[in-house]
Amino acid sequence: MAINELGNYLRARRQAVSPTDVGLASESGRRVVGLRREEVADLAGISSDYYLRLEQGRDTNPSNQVLKALAKALLLDEEASSHLQRIADPQPHRSFAPLPGDLDDSVFDFLAGFEHMAAYVINGCQDVLACNDRANRLLPYGFYVGANLFDALFHDITKEVLPNWDHHVLIGISSLRARADPDDPRLHELVGRLLVTQPEFAELWGRHDVGLPPNGVGTAHVEGFGLVEMQWQNLAVPADPRLLLVAHFAEPGTVAAYALASLGD
């Protein structure tokens, strides 16, 4: 397990819960951010000393019953609860995320068949492993084999044109925690670099938010069309759950659809 990943996660989620959220009285002059350790322990039905050992990393083997009780006490949703289970009880035999160059040519041939969409495949660390030509032309600085979506997200152009940019950063970070193995060396390399180079990333990474990537709407600049709004869908790859297929598309007959079509010319 990464260095006290369980304790860091419990602490961050404890600080994100307001006492009133769990039926506790709001105290005047309260200086603690979120819940106190003993409050979490009481809500979970465990001793304060045991909970302290969990946060400090002195006990790293809580039972499933304790994990479920903690998830309920901290108001964790399904994705966050699954993440808690995963970092507390990692699988003994794991295969880390595929890297650029690991996918065979058949994947690229498959993506080429997305004639009206910009499509690409990413791993849990948001590395682009494969993409079609339309995706590369849509975002040359972000959609190419070997790119990382965080580098594209923090690019000056993206910050300028993407509405609710900070929200998209939070979604990306939440997805990174949900999909990447906490012990993956590639994850450590990526996070270490972003913590040093991107202050916004460092601030949000410390929140320990977890969530699977949603489908959504984004804005891109297409030459001859200007800024156009496109939708995207995230599709799981049944053959390899470590991979995600992302497809950008537009409603037929819209300006965005014509813009996408122009990228295939």
Protein backbone atom coordinates (compact mmCIF):
# COMPACT_ATOMS: atom_id res chain seq x y z
CA MET A 1 0.00 0.00 0.00
CA ALA A 2 1.16 3.56 -0.63
CA ILE A 3 2.44 5.33 2.51
CA ASN A 4 -0.51 5.42 4.94
CA GLU A 5 -2.98 5.75 2.08
CA LEU A 6 -5.76 4.45 4.29
CA GLY A 7 -5.07 6.92 7.11
CA ASN A 8 -4.76 9.87 4.73
CA TYR A 9 -8.04 8.97 3.08
CA LEU A 10 -9.92 8.60 6.37
CA ARG A 11 -8.57 11.93 7.60
CA ALA A 12 -9.52 13.78 4.41
CA ARG A 13 -13.05 12.36 4.34
CA ARG A 14 -13.51 13.03 8.07
CA GLN A 15 -12.63 16.68 7.49
CA ALA A 16 -15.15 16.89 4.64
CA VAL A 17 -18.16 15.92 6.77
CA SER A 18 -20.01 18.56 8.77
CA PRO A 19 -21.31 17.53 12.22
CA THR A 20 -24.83 18.55 11.19
CA ASP A 21 -24.59 16.17 8.21
CA VAL A 22 -24.55 13.21 10.62
CA GLY A 23 -27.04 14.56 13.16
CA LEU A 24 -24.58 16.11 15.61
CA ALA A 25 -25.13 19.51 17.15
CA SER A 26 -23.22 22.47 15.73
CA GLU A 27 -21.02 23.90 18.47
CA SER A 28 -20.24 27.61 18.72
CA GLY A 29 -16.52 28.30 18.34
CA ARG A 30 -15.75 24.79 17.11
CA ARG A 31 -12.21 24.82 15.70
CA VAL A 32 -12.06 21.31 14.26
CA VAL A 33 -12.57 21.05 10.49
CA GLY A 34 -15.23 18.42 9.85
CA LEU A 35 -15.66 15.64 12.41
CA ARG A 36 -13.46 14.82 15.38
CA ARG A 37 -11.82 11.40 15.43
CA GLU A 38 -13.86 10.33 18.43
CA GLU A 39 -17.07 11.37 16.65
CA VAL A 40 -16.23 9.16 13.69
CA ALA A 41 -15.40 6.32 16.06
CA ASP A 42 -18.72 6.69 17.88
CA LEU A 43 -20.67 6.78 14.61
CA ALA A 44 -18.85 3.67 13.36
CA GLY A 45 -19.21 1.79 16.65
CA ILE A 46 -15.47 1.35 17.25
CA SER A 47 -13.15 2.64 19.96
CA SER A 48 -11.49 6.03 19.59
CA ASP A 49 -8.09 4.42 20.14
CA TYR A 50 -8.65 1.93 17.32
CA TYR A 51 -9.75 4.67 14.93
CA LEU A 52 -6.67 6.72 15.88
CA ARG A 53 -4.45 3.73 15.04
CA LEU A 54 -6.13 3.48 11.63
CA GLU A 55 -5.52 7.14 10.82
CA GLN A 56 -1.93 6.99 12.01
CA GLY A 57 -1.19 3.86 10.01
CA ARG A 58 -0.44 1.77 13.10
CA ASP A 59 -3.24 -0.65 12.17
CA THR A 60 -3.73 -1.38 8.48
CA ASN A 61 -5.99 -4.44 8.54
CA PRO A 62 -9.54 -3.38 9.46
CA SER A 63 -12.26 -5.97 8.91
CA ASN A 64 -14.92 -5.63 6.23
CA GLN A 65 -17.43 -4.90 8.97
CA VAL A 66 -15.32 -1.98 10.24
CA LEU A 67 -14.82 -0.64 6.71
CA LYS A 68 -18.56 -0.70 6.05
CA ALA A 69 -19.21 1.07 9.35
CA LEU A 70 -16.62 3.74 8.54
CA ALA A 71 -18.06 4.23 5.07
CA LYS A 72 -21.50 4.79 6.58
CA ALA A 73 -20.15 7.14 9.27
CA LEU A 74 -18.28 9.23 6.69
CA LEU A 75 -21.25 9.29 4.28
CA LEU A 76 -19.24 7.69 1.48
CA ASP A 77 -21.06 6.92 -1.75
CA GLU A 78 -20.60 3.67 -3.67
CA GLU A 79 -17.44 4.74 -5.52
CA ALA A 80 -15.82 6.20 -2.40
CA SER A 81 -16.72 3.09 -0.38
CA SER A 82 -15.17 0.86 -3.04
CA HIS A 83 -12.02 2.97 -2.94
CA LEU A 84 -11.84 2.61 0.84
CA GLN A 85 -12.12 -1.16 0.49
CA ARG A 86 -9.48 -1.22 -2.24
CA ILE A 87 -6.82 0.72 -0.34
CA ALA A 88 -7.50 -1.14 2.92
CA ASP A 89 -7.40 -4.60 1.34
CA PRO A 90 -5.35 -4.49 -1.88
CA GLN A 91 -5.33 -7.57 -4.06
CA PRO A 92 -2.15 -9.65 -3.56
CA HIS A 93 -1.57 -10.12 -7.29
CA ARG A 94 -2.12 -7.00 -9.35
CA SER A 95 -1.37 -5.87 -12.86
CA PHE A 96 -0.71 -2.16 -13.15
CA ALA A 97 -2.13 0.07 -15.88
CA PRO A 98 -1.01 -0.61 -19.47
CA LEU A 99 1.34 2.04 -20.81
CA PRO A 100 1.69 3.71 -24.23
CA GLY A 101 2.94 1.11 -26.67
CA ASP A 102 1.28 -1.81 -24.88
CA LEU A 103 -1.82 -1.99 -27.14
CA ASP A 104 -1.71 -3.82 -30.44
CA ASP A 105 -2.68 -2.46 -33.87
CA SER A 106 -6.17 -3.93 -33.72
CA VAL A 107 -7.18 -1.28 -31.16
CA PHE A 108 -6.14 1.50 -33.54
CA ASP A 109 -8.03 -0.18 -36.37
CA PHE A 110 -11.08 -0.32 -34.13
CA LEU A 111 -10.87 3.39 -33.31
CA ALA A 112 -10.50 4.26 -36.99
CA GLY A 113 -13.99 2.89 -37.46
CA PHE A 114 -15.46 5.73 -35.40
CA GLU A 115 -16.00 7.81 -38.53
CA HIS A 116 -18.11 10.54 -36.95
CA MET A 117 -16.44 10.68 -33.54
CA ALA A 118 -13.14 11.65 -31.98
CA ALA A 119 -12.20 8.61 -29.90
CA TYR A 120 -9.30 7.53 -27.73
CA VAL A 121 -8.38 4.95 -25.09
CA ILE A 122 -6.88 5.88 -21.70
CA ASN A 123 -5.59 3.93 -18.73
CA GLY A 124 -6.36 4.64 -15.08
CA CYS A 125 -3.57 7.23 -14.92
CA GLN A 126 -5.19 9.19 -17.79
CA ASP A 127 -2.42 8.28 -20.25
CA VAL A 128 -3.58 8.15 -23.88
CA LEU A 129 -2.79 4.68 -25.21
CA ALA A 130 -4.55 4.91 -28.59
CA CYS A 131 -6.55 7.47 -30.53
CA ASN A 132 -8.01 7.99 -33.98
CA ASP A 133 -6.97 10.75 -36.37
CA ARG A 134 -10.08 12.80 -35.67
CA ALA A 135 -9.22 12.96 -31.95
CA ASN A 136 -5.64 13.99 -32.69
CA ARG A 137 -6.84 16.79 -34.95
CA LEU A 138 -9.41 17.90 -32.37
CA LEU A 139 -6.78 18.38 -29.66
CA PRO A 140 -3.25 18.00 -31.07
CA TYR A 141 -1.60 18.86 -27.75
CA GLY A 142 -3.67 16.37 -25.74
CA PHE A 143 -4.95 13.49 -27.83
CA TYR A 144 -1.93 11.55 -29.03
CA VAL A 145 -0.32 8.31 -27.91
CA GLY A 146 1.87 9.02 -24.91
CA ALA A 147 0.02 12.18 -23.83
CA ASN A 148 -1.57 12.52 -20.42
CA LEU A 149 -4.97 14.18 -20.10
CA PHE A 150 -3.85 16.22 -17.10
CA ASP A 151 -1.19 17.92 -19.22
CA ALA A 152 -3.91 18.83 -21.71
CA LEU A 153 -6.22 19.97 -18.92
CA PHE A 154 -3.60 22.32 -17.47
CA HIS A 155 -2.62 23.69 -20.88
CA ASP A 156 -3.15 27.46 -21.23
CA ILE A 157 -5.54 27.01 -24.15
CA THR A 158 -7.74 24.60 -22.20
CA LYS A 159 -7.89 26.94 -19.22
CA GLU A 160 -9.05 29.71 -21.56
CA VAL A 161 -11.73 27.90 -23.55
CA LEU A 162 -13.14 25.19 -21.24
CA PRO A 163 -16.15 26.39 -19.19
CA ASN A 164 -16.03 25.44 -15.51
CA TRP A 165 -12.39 24.45 -15.92
CA ASP A 166 -11.82 23.93 -12.19
CA HIS A 167 -14.77 21.54 -12.05
CA HIS A 168 -13.23 19.44 -14.83
CA VAL A 169 -9.95 19.32 -12.90
CA LEU A 170 -11.81 18.00 -9.85
CA ILE A 171 -13.55 15.37 -11.98
CA GLY A 172 -10.19 14.28 -13.40
CA ILE A 173 -8.59 13.99 -9.97
CA SER A 174 -11.58 12.08 -8.56
CA SER A 175 -11.38 9.68 -11.49
CA LEU A 176 -7.64 9.26 -11.05
CA ARG A 177 -8.11 8.13 -7.46
CA ALA A 178 -11.00 5.83 -8.40
CA ARG A 179 -9.36 4.11 -11.37
CA ALA A 180 -5.61 4.04 -10.68
CA ASP A 181 -3.95 1.48 -8.41
CA PRO A 182 -2.51 3.42 -5.42
CA ASP A 183 0.69 1.39 -5.67
CA ASP A 184 1.19 1.89 -9.42
CA PRO A 185 4.64 3.44 -10.05
CA ARG A 186 3.19 5.38 -12.97
CA LEU A 187 0.64 6.98 -10.63
CA HIS A 188 3.38 8.00 -8.21
CA GLU A 189 5.42 9.51 -11.04
CA LEU A 190 2.46 11.46 -12.43
CA VAL A 191 1.15 12.75 -9.09
CA GLY A 192 4.65 13.67 -7.92
CA ARG A 193 5.20 15.81 -11.01
CA LEU A 194 1.79 17.49 -10.87
CA LEU A 195 2.11 18.28 -7.15
CA VAL A 196 5.28 20.23 -7.93
CA THR A 197 4.20 21.95 -11.14
CA GLN A 198 0.45 22.58 -10.72
CA PRO A 199 -0.72 24.35 -7.52
CA GLU A 200 -4.39 23.74 -8.37
CA PHE A 201 -3.73 20.02 -8.60
CA ALA A 202 -1.91 19.98 -5.26
CA GLU A 203 -4.81 21.69 -3.51
CA LEU A 204 -7.49 19.37 -4.90
CA TRP A 205 -5.44 16.15 -4.60
CA GLY A 206 -5.34 16.61 -0.84
CA ARG A 207 -9.15 16.40 -0.65
CA HIS A 208 -9.08 12.68 -1.55
CA ASP A 209 -12.28 12.93 -3.60
CA VAL A 210 -13.19 9.74 -5.46
CA GLY A 211 -15.59 9.31 -8.36
CA LEU A 212 -15.92 7.53 -11.66
CA PRO A 213 -15.67 9.81 -14.72
CA PRO A 214 -19.10 11.01 -15.84
CA ASN A 215 -20.30 11.65 -19.35
CA GLY A 216 -20.46 15.33 -20.17
CA VAL A 217 -20.14 18.31 -22.45
CA GLY A 218 -16.99 20.22 -23.34
CA THR A 219 -15.81 23.01 -25.61
CA ALA A 220 -13.09 22.75 -28.23
CA HIS A 221 -11.68 25.07 -30.87
CA VAL A 222 -11.95 23.76 -34.43
CA GLU A 223 -10.32 25.73 -37.23
CA GLY A 224 -12.97 27.34 -39.43
CA PHE A 225 -15.69 26.90 -36.80
CA GLY A 226 -14.29 28.54 -33.68
CA LEU A 227 -15.44 27.26 -30.31
CA VAL A 228 -17.92 24.39 -30.57
CA GLU A 229 -19.67 22.38 -27.87
CA MET A 230 -19.39 18.59 -28.04
CA GLN A 231 -20.59 15.75 -25.87
CA TRP A 232 -18.48 12.86 -24.67
CA GLN A 233 -19.23 9.36 -23.46
CA ASN A 234 -17.01 7.12 -21.32
CA LEU A 235 -17.30 3.45 -22.19
CA ALA A 236 -15.79 0.62 -20.17
CA VAL A 237 -13.64 -1.90 -22.06
CA PRO A 238 -14.96 -5.33 -20.98
CA ALA A 239 -11.78 -7.15 -22.02
CA ASP A 240 -9.61 -4.96 -19.76
CA PRO A 241 -11.26 -3.00 -16.89
CA ARG A 242 -8.10 -0.90 -16.56
CA LEU A 243 -8.95 0.81 -19.86
CA LEU A 244 -11.58 3.39 -20.77
CA LEU A 245 -12.80 4.34 -24.24
CA VAL A 246 -13.78 8.00 -24.57
CA ALA A 247 -15.76 9.22 -27.59
CA HIS A 248 -16.52 12.87 -28.44
CA PHE A 249 -19.57 13.35 -30.65
CA ALA A 250 -22.24 15.87 -31.65
CA GLU A 251 -25.90 15.85 -32.61
CA PRO A 252 -26.33 15.39 -36.40
CA GLY A 253 -26.92 18.62 -38.26
CA THR A 254 -25.36 20.87 -35.63
CA VAL A 255 -22.36 23.13 -36.10
CA ALA A 256 -20.37 20.83 -33.82
CA ALA A 257 -21.22 17.83 -36.04
CA TYR A 258 -19.95 19.67 -39.13
CA ALA A 259 -16.85 20.69 -37.21
CA LEU A 260 -16.15 17.08 -36.24
CA ALA A 261 -16.73 15.97 -39.81
CA SER A 262 -14.18 18.51 -41.04
CA LEU A 263 -11.50 16.88 -38.88
CA GLY A 264 -11.75 13.73 -40.98
CA ASP A 265 -11.20 15.49 -44.31
